[in-house]
Amino acid sequence: MGIALQALDGLYGRPAAGIRVRLERIDNGIWSADVKAETDHEGRVGEWRGRRFDRGLHRIVFESDSYFVGLGLTAAYPEISITFRMQDETDSYQLQVLLSPYSYSAYFGSLT
């Protein structure tokens, strides 16, 4: 159960360390933050991997603007948001995002 998350810097070809990330859940049409974290030196958020999350719609928001500003760059996307459905509380998911100042791509898959 849980979410394995990693952010990769496509511009410099390395993990994207220090990105603030929040996991949100929708309830009655309103998004609210479930948990917040920051990527480590490997671009990962390890503490979400063993955590149990409720079923339903979730989104992970990467605060990419502050990351690129810290590198002296400007980003087209101040936030990168990935919305997904948690089918079962016992499922485990993997999410990787490859980001650069003017593009991003994401991979989402099941670990179970």
N, C-alpha and C. Protein backbone atom coordinates (compact mmCIF):
# COMPACT_ATOMS: atom_id res chain seq x y z
N MET A 1 0.83 -1.19 0.00
CA MET A 1 0.00 0.00 0.00
C MET A 1 0.88 1.24 0.00
N GLY A 2 0.38 2.32 -0.53
CA GLY A 2 1.11 3.57 -0.52
C GLY A 2 1.50 4.04 -1.90
N ILE A 3 2.34 5.07 -1.91
CA ILE A 3 2.76 5.71 -3.15
C ILE A 3 4.28 5.88 -3.13
N ALA A 4 4.94 5.33 -4.15
CA ALA A 4 6.37 5.55 -4.34
C ALA A 4 6.50 6.69 -5.35
N LEU A 5 7.14 7.77 -4.94
CA LEU A 5 7.19 8.98 -5.75
C LEU A 5 8.63 9.38 -6.01
N GLN A 6 8.92 9.78 -7.27
CA GLN A 6 10.24 10.28 -7.61
C GLN A 6 10.13 11.39 -8.65
N ALA A 7 10.89 12.46 -8.43
CA ALA A 7 10.98 13.58 -9.38
C ALA A 7 12.39 13.61 -9.95
N LEU A 8 12.47 13.72 -11.27
CA LEU A 8 13.75 13.74 -11.97
C LEU A 8 13.88 15.04 -12.76
N ASP A 9 15.06 15.62 -12.72
CA ASP A 9 15.36 16.86 -13.43
C ASP A 9 15.85 16.50 -14.83
N GLY A 10 15.01 16.75 -15.83
CA GLY A 10 15.35 16.43 -17.21
C GLY A 10 16.35 17.37 -17.83
N LEU A 11 16.53 18.54 -17.26
CA LEU A 11 17.49 19.52 -17.78
C LEU A 11 18.92 19.12 -17.44
N TYR A 12 19.14 18.70 -16.21
CA TYR A 12 20.48 18.37 -15.75
C TYR A 12 20.72 16.86 -15.61
N GLY A 13 19.69 16.04 -15.86
CA GLY A 13 19.84 14.60 -15.80
C GLY A 13 20.19 14.07 -14.42
N ARG A 14 19.45 14.53 -13.42
CA ARG A 14 19.71 14.10 -12.05
C ARG A 14 18.39 14.10 -11.27
N PRO A 15 18.39 13.53 -10.07
CA PRO A 15 17.19 13.61 -9.24
C PRO A 15 16.87 15.07 -8.91
N ALA A 16 15.62 15.37 -8.80
CA ALA A 16 15.18 16.73 -8.46
C ALA A 16 14.96 16.80 -6.95
N ALA A 17 15.99 17.20 -6.24
CA ALA A 17 15.95 17.27 -4.78
C ALA A 17 15.36 18.60 -4.32
N GLY A 18 14.60 18.57 -3.23
CA GLY A 18 14.10 19.79 -2.62
C GLY A 18 12.81 20.33 -3.21
N ILE A 19 12.09 19.54 -3.99
CA ILE A 19 10.80 20.00 -4.52
C ILE A 19 9.73 19.76 -3.47
N ARG A 20 8.98 20.80 -3.16
CA ARG A 20 7.84 20.64 -2.26
C ARG A 20 6.70 19.95 -3.02
N VAL A 21 6.12 18.96 -2.36
CA VAL A 21 5.08 18.13 -2.97
C VAL A 21 3.93 18.00 -1.99
N ARG A 22 2.72 18.01 -2.51
CA ARG A 22 1.57 17.75 -1.64
C ARG A 22 0.62 16.77 -2.33
N LEU A 23 0.05 15.92 -1.52
CA LEU A 23 -0.94 14.97 -1.99
C LEU A 23 -2.30 15.48 -1.53
N GLU A 24 -3.20 15.66 -2.49
CA GLU A 24 -4.52 16.18 -2.18
C GLU A 24 -5.58 15.14 -2.49
N ARG A 25 -6.71 15.26 -1.83
CA ARG A 25 -7.84 14.37 -2.05
C ARG A 25 -9.07 15.23 -2.24
N ILE A 26 -9.96 14.79 -3.13
CA ILE A 26 -11.18 15.55 -3.37
C ILE A 26 -12.29 15.00 -2.48
N ASP A 27 -13.05 15.90 -1.89
CA ASP A 27 -14.19 15.53 -1.06
C ASP A 27 -15.28 16.54 -1.30
N ASN A 28 -16.42 16.07 -1.79
CA ASN A 28 -17.55 16.96 -2.13
C ASN A 28 -17.14 18.08 -3.07
N GLY A 29 -16.29 17.77 -4.04
CA GLY A 29 -15.90 18.74 -5.06
C GLY A 29 -14.80 19.71 -4.63
N ILE A 30 -14.25 19.54 -3.43
CA ILE A 30 -13.22 20.45 -2.94
C ILE A 30 -11.93 19.67 -2.68
N TRP A 31 -10.82 20.15 -3.27
CA TRP A 31 -9.51 19.53 -3.06
C TRP A 31 -8.92 20.04 -1.74
N SER A 32 -8.42 19.12 -0.95
CA SER A 32 -7.73 19.52 0.28
C SER A 32 -6.47 18.68 0.44
N ALA A 33 -5.46 19.29 1.04
CA ALA A 33 -4.17 18.63 1.20
C ALA A 33 -4.28 17.52 2.24
N ASP A 34 -3.85 16.32 1.84
CA ASP A 34 -3.79 15.18 2.74
C ASP A 34 -2.47 15.18 3.48
N VAL A 35 -1.37 15.22 2.73
CA VAL A 35 -0.03 15.23 3.30
C VAL A 35 0.89 16.09 2.43
N LYS A 36 1.94 16.59 3.06
CA LYS A 36 2.95 17.39 2.36
C LYS A 36 4.31 16.77 2.61
N ALA A 37 5.23 16.98 1.68
CA ALA A 37 6.58 16.46 1.82
C ALA A 37 7.52 17.25 0.93
N GLU A 38 8.79 16.87 0.96
CA GLU A 38 9.80 17.45 0.07
C GLU A 38 10.66 16.31 -0.43
N THR A 39 11.02 16.37 -1.72
CA THR A 39 11.84 15.30 -2.28
C THR A 39 13.23 15.32 -1.66
N ASP A 40 13.77 14.13 -1.44
CA ASP A 40 15.10 14.00 -0.84
C ASP A 40 16.20 14.10 -1.91
N HIS A 41 17.44 13.77 -1.56
CA HIS A 41 18.57 13.89 -2.49
C HIS A 41 18.45 12.95 -3.69
N GLU A 42 17.57 11.94 -3.61
CA GLU A 42 17.32 11.05 -4.74
C GLU A 42 16.05 11.44 -5.50
N GLY A 43 15.45 12.57 -5.13
CA GLY A 43 14.22 13.02 -5.76
C GLY A 43 13.00 12.24 -5.30
N ARG A 44 13.10 11.53 -4.21
CA ARG A 44 12.03 10.65 -3.74
C ARG A 44 11.32 11.21 -2.50
N VAL A 45 10.09 10.76 -2.34
CA VAL A 45 9.34 10.98 -1.12
C VAL A 45 9.09 9.60 -0.54
N GLY A 46 9.93 9.19 0.38
CA GLY A 46 9.88 7.85 0.92
C GLY A 46 8.79 7.61 1.94
N GLU A 47 8.40 8.65 2.67
CA GLU A 47 7.46 8.45 3.77
C GLU A 47 6.04 8.10 3.30
N TRP A 48 5.72 8.28 2.03
CA TRP A 48 4.38 7.95 1.54
C TRP A 48 4.28 6.48 1.13
N ARG A 49 5.41 5.82 1.00
CA ARG A 49 5.41 4.45 0.47
C ARG A 49 4.65 3.47 1.37
N GLY A 50 4.80 3.55 2.67
CA GLY A 50 4.14 2.62 3.57
C GLY A 50 2.84 3.13 4.14
N ARG A 51 2.40 4.27 3.71
CA ARG A 51 1.20 4.89 4.26
C ARG A 51 -0.05 4.39 3.54
N ARG A 52 -1.13 4.30 4.25
CA ARG A 52 -2.40 3.87 3.67
C ARG A 52 -3.24 5.10 3.31
N PHE A 53 -3.73 5.12 2.08
CA PHE A 53 -4.56 6.23 1.61
C PHE A 53 -5.95 5.71 1.27
N ASP A 54 -6.95 6.57 1.42
CA ASP A 54 -8.33 6.20 1.11
C ASP A 54 -8.53 6.07 -0.40
N ARG A 55 -9.53 5.27 -0.76
CA ARG A 55 -9.92 5.17 -2.17
C ARG A 55 -10.47 6.50 -2.66
N GLY A 56 -10.43 6.70 -3.98
CA GLY A 56 -11.02 7.89 -4.56
C GLY A 56 -10.02 8.67 -5.39
N LEU A 57 -10.42 9.88 -5.78
CA LEU A 57 -9.57 10.74 -6.60
C LEU A 57 -8.55 11.47 -5.74
N HIS A 58 -7.32 11.45 -6.22
CA HIS A 58 -6.21 12.13 -5.56
C HIS A 58 -5.43 12.90 -6.62
N ARG A 59 -4.67 13.86 -6.18
CA ARG A 59 -3.71 14.49 -7.08
C ARG A 59 -2.45 14.83 -6.30
N ILE A 60 -1.35 14.71 -7.01
CA ILE A 60 -0.06 15.08 -6.45
C ILE A 60 0.36 16.35 -7.16
N VAL A 61 0.72 17.36 -6.38
CA VAL A 61 1.11 18.66 -6.91
C VAL A 61 2.58 18.90 -6.58
N PHE A 62 3.39 19.10 -7.62
CA PHE A 62 4.81 19.42 -7.48
C PHE A 62 4.96 20.92 -7.63
N GLU A 63 5.58 21.58 -6.67
CA GLU A 63 5.81 23.02 -6.76
C GLU A 63 7.10 23.26 -7.54
N SER A 64 6.99 23.17 -8.85
CA SER A 64 8.16 23.22 -9.73
C SER A 64 8.75 24.62 -9.85
N ASP A 65 7.95 25.64 -9.68
CA ASP A 65 8.44 27.01 -9.84
C ASP A 65 9.56 27.32 -8.85
N SER A 66 9.34 27.01 -7.58
CA SER A 66 10.36 27.32 -6.57
C SER A 66 11.63 26.50 -6.81
N TYR A 67 11.48 25.28 -7.33
CA TYR A 67 12.65 24.46 -7.65
C TYR A 67 13.50 25.12 -8.74
N PHE A 68 12.86 25.54 -9.84
CA PHE A 68 13.62 26.14 -10.93
C PHE A 68 14.12 27.54 -10.61
N VAL A 69 13.37 28.31 -9.83
CA VAL A 69 13.85 29.62 -9.40
C VAL A 69 15.13 29.45 -8.57
N GLY A 70 15.16 28.40 -7.75
CA GLY A 70 16.36 28.11 -6.96
C GLY A 70 17.57 27.79 -7.82
N LEU A 71 17.34 27.35 -9.06
CA LEU A 71 18.42 27.08 -10.01
C LEU A 71 18.72 28.29 -10.90
N GLY A 72 18.02 29.41 -10.64
CA GLY A 72 18.22 30.61 -11.44
C GLY A 72 17.48 30.58 -12.76
N LEU A 73 16.42 29.77 -12.86
CA LEU A 73 15.67 29.61 -14.11
C LEU A 73 14.22 30.02 -13.92
N THR A 74 13.55 30.22 -15.03
CA THR A 74 12.12 30.49 -15.03
C THR A 74 11.41 29.27 -15.60
N ALA A 75 10.28 28.90 -15.01
CA ALA A 75 9.54 27.73 -15.46
C ALA A 75 8.19 28.14 -16.05
N ALA A 76 7.79 27.47 -17.11
CA ALA A 76 6.48 27.71 -17.71
C ALA A 76 5.35 27.18 -16.83
N TYR A 77 5.64 26.11 -16.09
CA TYR A 77 4.64 25.49 -15.23
C TYR A 77 5.01 25.72 -13.77
N PRO A 78 4.33 26.63 -13.08
CA PRO A 78 4.66 26.87 -11.68
C PRO A 78 4.32 25.68 -10.79
N GLU A 79 3.34 24.90 -11.22
CA GLU A 79 2.99 23.66 -10.53
C GLU A 79 2.74 22.58 -11.58
N ILE A 80 3.06 21.36 -11.20
CA ILE A 80 2.74 20.21 -12.03
C ILE A 80 1.81 19.34 -11.21
N SER A 81 0.63 19.09 -11.76
CA SER A 81 -0.40 18.37 -11.03
C SER A 81 -0.74 17.08 -11.77
N ILE A 82 -0.70 15.96 -11.07
CA ILE A 82 -1.03 14.66 -11.62
C ILE A 82 -2.22 14.13 -10.83
N THR A 83 -3.35 13.93 -11.52
CA THR A 83 -4.56 13.44 -10.87
C THR A 83 -4.73 11.95 -11.19
N PHE A 84 -5.09 11.18 -10.18
CA PHE A 84 -5.26 9.74 -10.38
C PHE A 84 -6.31 9.20 -9.42
N ARG A 85 -6.76 7.99 -9.73
CA ARG A 85 -7.77 7.34 -8.90
C ARG A 85 -7.13 6.21 -8.09
N MET A 86 -7.33 6.25 -6.79
CA MET A 86 -6.89 5.18 -5.89
C MET A 86 -8.05 4.19 -5.84
N GLN A 87 -7.84 3.00 -6.42
CA GLN A 87 -8.92 2.01 -6.52
C GLN A 87 -9.19 1.28 -5.21
N ASP A 88 -8.14 0.99 -4.48
CA ASP A 88 -8.26 0.17 -3.27
C ASP A 88 -7.22 0.63 -2.25
N GLU A 89 -7.59 0.64 -0.99
CA GLU A 89 -6.67 1.08 0.06
C GLU A 89 -5.42 0.21 0.16
N THR A 90 -5.48 -1.01 -0.35
CA THR A 90 -4.34 -1.92 -0.25
C THR A 90 -3.42 -1.82 -1.46
N ASP A 91 -3.78 -1.03 -2.48
CA ASP A 91 -2.94 -0.89 -3.67
C ASP A 91 -1.71 -0.03 -3.37
N SER A 92 -0.65 -0.29 -4.13
CA SER A 92 0.56 0.52 -4.08
C SER A 92 0.83 1.06 -5.47
N TYR A 93 1.20 2.32 -5.56
CA TYR A 93 1.41 2.97 -6.84
C TYR A 93 2.80 3.57 -6.92
N GLN A 94 3.26 3.71 -8.15
CA GLN A 94 4.54 4.35 -8.43
C GLN A 94 4.27 5.53 -9.36
N LEU A 95 4.82 6.67 -9.01
CA LEU A 95 4.68 7.86 -9.85
C LEU A 95 6.06 8.48 -10.02
N GLN A 96 6.46 8.68 -11.26
CA GLN A 96 7.70 9.38 -11.57
C GLN A 96 7.35 10.54 -12.49
N VAL A 97 7.95 11.69 -12.22
CA VAL A 97 7.76 12.84 -13.08
C VAL A 97 9.15 13.32 -13.52
N LEU A 98 9.29 13.54 -14.82
CA LEU A 98 10.51 14.09 -15.41
C LEU A 98 10.18 15.52 -15.78
N LEU A 99 10.87 16.48 -15.15
CA LEU A 99 10.51 17.87 -15.37
C LEU A 99 11.68 18.69 -15.88
N SER A 100 11.32 19.69 -16.65
CA SER A 100 12.26 20.69 -17.13
C SER A 100 11.50 22.02 -17.13
N PRO A 101 12.17 23.14 -17.37
CA PRO A 101 11.47 24.42 -17.25
C PRO A 101 10.27 24.59 -18.19
N TYR A 102 10.25 23.90 -19.34
CA TYR A 102 9.17 24.11 -20.30
C TYR A 102 8.45 22.83 -20.70
N SER A 103 8.68 21.74 -19.99
CA SER A 103 7.95 20.51 -20.28
C SER A 103 8.03 19.57 -19.08
N TYR A 104 7.15 18.60 -19.11
CA TYR A 104 7.22 17.53 -18.11
C TYR A 104 6.52 16.30 -18.67
N SER A 105 6.89 15.16 -18.15
CA SER A 105 6.17 13.92 -18.49
C SER A 105 6.06 13.11 -17.21
N ALA A 106 5.06 12.26 -17.17
CA ALA A 106 4.81 11.49 -15.96
C ALA A 106 4.55 10.03 -16.30
N TYR A 107 4.97 9.17 -15.39
CA TYR A 107 4.67 7.75 -15.46
C TYR A 107 3.91 7.40 -14.19
N PHE A 108 2.81 6.69 -14.35
CA PHE A 108 2.01 6.24 -13.22
C PHE A 108 1.72 4.76 -13.40
N GLY A 109 2.01 3.96 -12.40
CA GLY A 109 1.76 2.53 -12.51
C GLY A 109 1.53 1.91 -11.16
N SER A 110 1.09 0.68 -11.18
CA SER A 110 0.83 -0.06 -9.96
C SER A 110 2.05 -0.84 -9.54
N LEU A 111 2.30 -0.91 -8.25
CA LEU A 111 3.38 -1.73 -7.70
C LEU A 111 2.87 -3.06 -7.19
N THR A 112 1.53 -3.25 -7.22
CA THR A 112 0.95 -4.51 -6.70
C THR A 112 0.69 -5.48 -7.81
